[in-house]
């Protein structure tokens, strides 16, 4: 059950939503990574398994996002990472 201020659906048109957000929290898969770059959105990267690891590592190294340990990050780490990405003008300037 979602909180009253939240909503969900089976399908969300990601390319319609991304222009409206300031930042993307993603597991680092190809589609979301590519679309976040297309719309110049910084990323918090949380790879849950090996498949997107290379994408996540490259995005972190290039400064397009920050990788967190998917199963060990704290609330404070997530909040701090979001705040740091949104305040980092140099990082935002690196985005295509």
Protein backbone atom coordinates (compact mmCIF):
# COMPACT_ATOMS: atom_id res chain seq x y z
CA UNK A 1 0.00 0.00 0.00
CA UNK A 2 1.36 3.40 -0.95
CA UNK A 3 1.20 6.48 1.23
CA UNK A 4 -1.61 8.96 0.38
CA UNK A 5 0.81 11.35 -1.36
CA UNK A 6 2.15 8.59 -3.65
CA UNK A 7 0.77 6.85 -6.67
CA UNK A 8 1.77 4.01 -8.94
CA UNK A 9 0.75 2.30 -12.12
CA UNK A 10 1.82 -0.64 -14.28
CA UNK A 11 3.49 1.62 -16.83
CA UNK A 12 4.96 5.10 -16.57
CA UNK A 13 6.18 6.92 -19.67
CA UNK A 14 9.72 7.54 -18.43
CA UNK A 15 10.64 9.93 -21.25
CA UNK A 16 7.66 12.11 -20.28
CA UNK A 17 8.54 12.06 -16.57
CA UNK A 18 12.31 12.62 -16.70
CA UNK A 19 12.09 16.23 -17.93
CA UNK A 20 10.08 17.02 -14.77
CA UNK A 21 12.56 15.67 -12.19
CA UNK A 22 15.82 17.07 -10.83
CA UNK A 23 17.57 13.73 -10.29
CA UNK A 24 17.14 10.02 -11.05
CA UNK A 25 17.54 7.16 -8.57
CA UNK A 26 18.18 4.03 -10.62
CA UNK A 27 19.66 0.54 -10.58
CA UNK A 28 21.74 1.63 -13.59
CA UNK A 29 20.17 -0.32 -16.42
CA UNK A 30 20.80 0.71 -20.02
CA UNK A 31 17.43 2.35 -20.71
CA UNK A 32 17.22 4.51 -17.62
CA UNK A 33 20.91 5.45 -17.80
CA UNK A 34 20.59 6.49 -21.45
CA UNK A 35 17.38 8.43 -20.87
CA UNK A 36 18.77 10.18 -17.78
CA UNK A 37 21.77 11.28 -19.84
CA UNK A 38 19.49 12.39 -22.68
CA UNK A 39 17.67 14.71 -20.27
CA UNK A 40 20.88 15.75 -18.42
CA UNK A 41 19.76 14.33 -15.07
CA UNK A 42 22.32 13.33 -12.42
CA UNK A 43 21.89 9.83 -11.03
CA UNK A 44 22.06 8.05 -7.71
CA UNK A 45 23.10 4.56 -8.79
CA UNK A 46 22.09 1.45 -6.83
CA UNK A 47 23.00 -1.70 -8.79
CA UNK A 48 21.18 -4.69 -7.23
CA UNK A 49 23.07 -7.33 -9.20
CA UNK A 50 26.06 -7.77 -11.49
CA UNK A 51 24.41 -6.94 -14.83
CA UNK A 52 24.35 -3.10 -14.60
CA UNK A 53 27.62 -2.89 -12.65
CA UNK A 54 29.69 -1.69 -15.64
CA UNK A 55 27.14 1.03 -16.47
CA UNK A 56 27.11 2.19 -12.86
CA UNK A 57 30.89 2.21 -12.56
CA UNK A 58 31.27 4.27 -15.75
CA UNK A 59 28.60 6.79 -14.73
CA UNK A 60 30.29 7.22 -11.34
CA UNK A 61 33.78 7.58 -12.85
CA UNK A 62 32.57 10.13 -15.43
CA UNK A 63 30.83 12.17 -12.72
CA UNK A 64 27.31 11.70 -14.11
CA UNK A 65 26.16 10.08 -10.89
CA UNK A 66 27.21 8.58 -7.58
CA UNK A 67 27.16 4.88 -6.81
CA UNK A 68 25.98 3.74 -3.40
CA UNK A 69 26.18 0.25 -1.95
CA UNK A 70 22.68 -1.00 -2.74
CA UNK A 71 22.26 -3.08 0.39
CA UNK A 72 24.24 -1.06 2.92
CA UNK A 73 23.55 2.65 2.37
CA UNK A 74 21.98 4.63 5.18
CA UNK A 75 19.18 7.18 4.98
CA UNK A 76 21.78 9.87 5.66
CA UNK A 77 24.03 8.65 2.83
CA UNK A 78 21.15 8.71 0.36
CA UNK A 79 19.99 12.16 1.47
CA UNK A 80 23.55 13.50 1.44
CA UNK A 81 24.21 12.07 -2.02
CA UNK A 82 21.05 13.64 -3.44
CA UNK A 83 21.90 17.00 -1.89
CA UNK A 84 25.50 16.82 -3.09
CA UNK A 85 24.51 15.99 -6.67
CA UNK A 86 21.94 18.76 -6.85
CA UNK A 87 24.34 21.34 -5.40
CA UNK A 88 27.35 20.37 -7.55
CA UNK A 89 27.35 22.83 -10.44
CA UNK A 90 30.46 21.21 -11.93
CA UNK A 91 28.78 17.78 -11.98
CA UNK A 92 25.64 19.22 -13.52
CA UNK A 93 27.81 20.94 -16.14
CA UNK A 94 29.42 17.62 -17.10
CA UNK A 95 26.08 16.13 -18.09
CA UNK A 96 25.44 16.08 -21.85
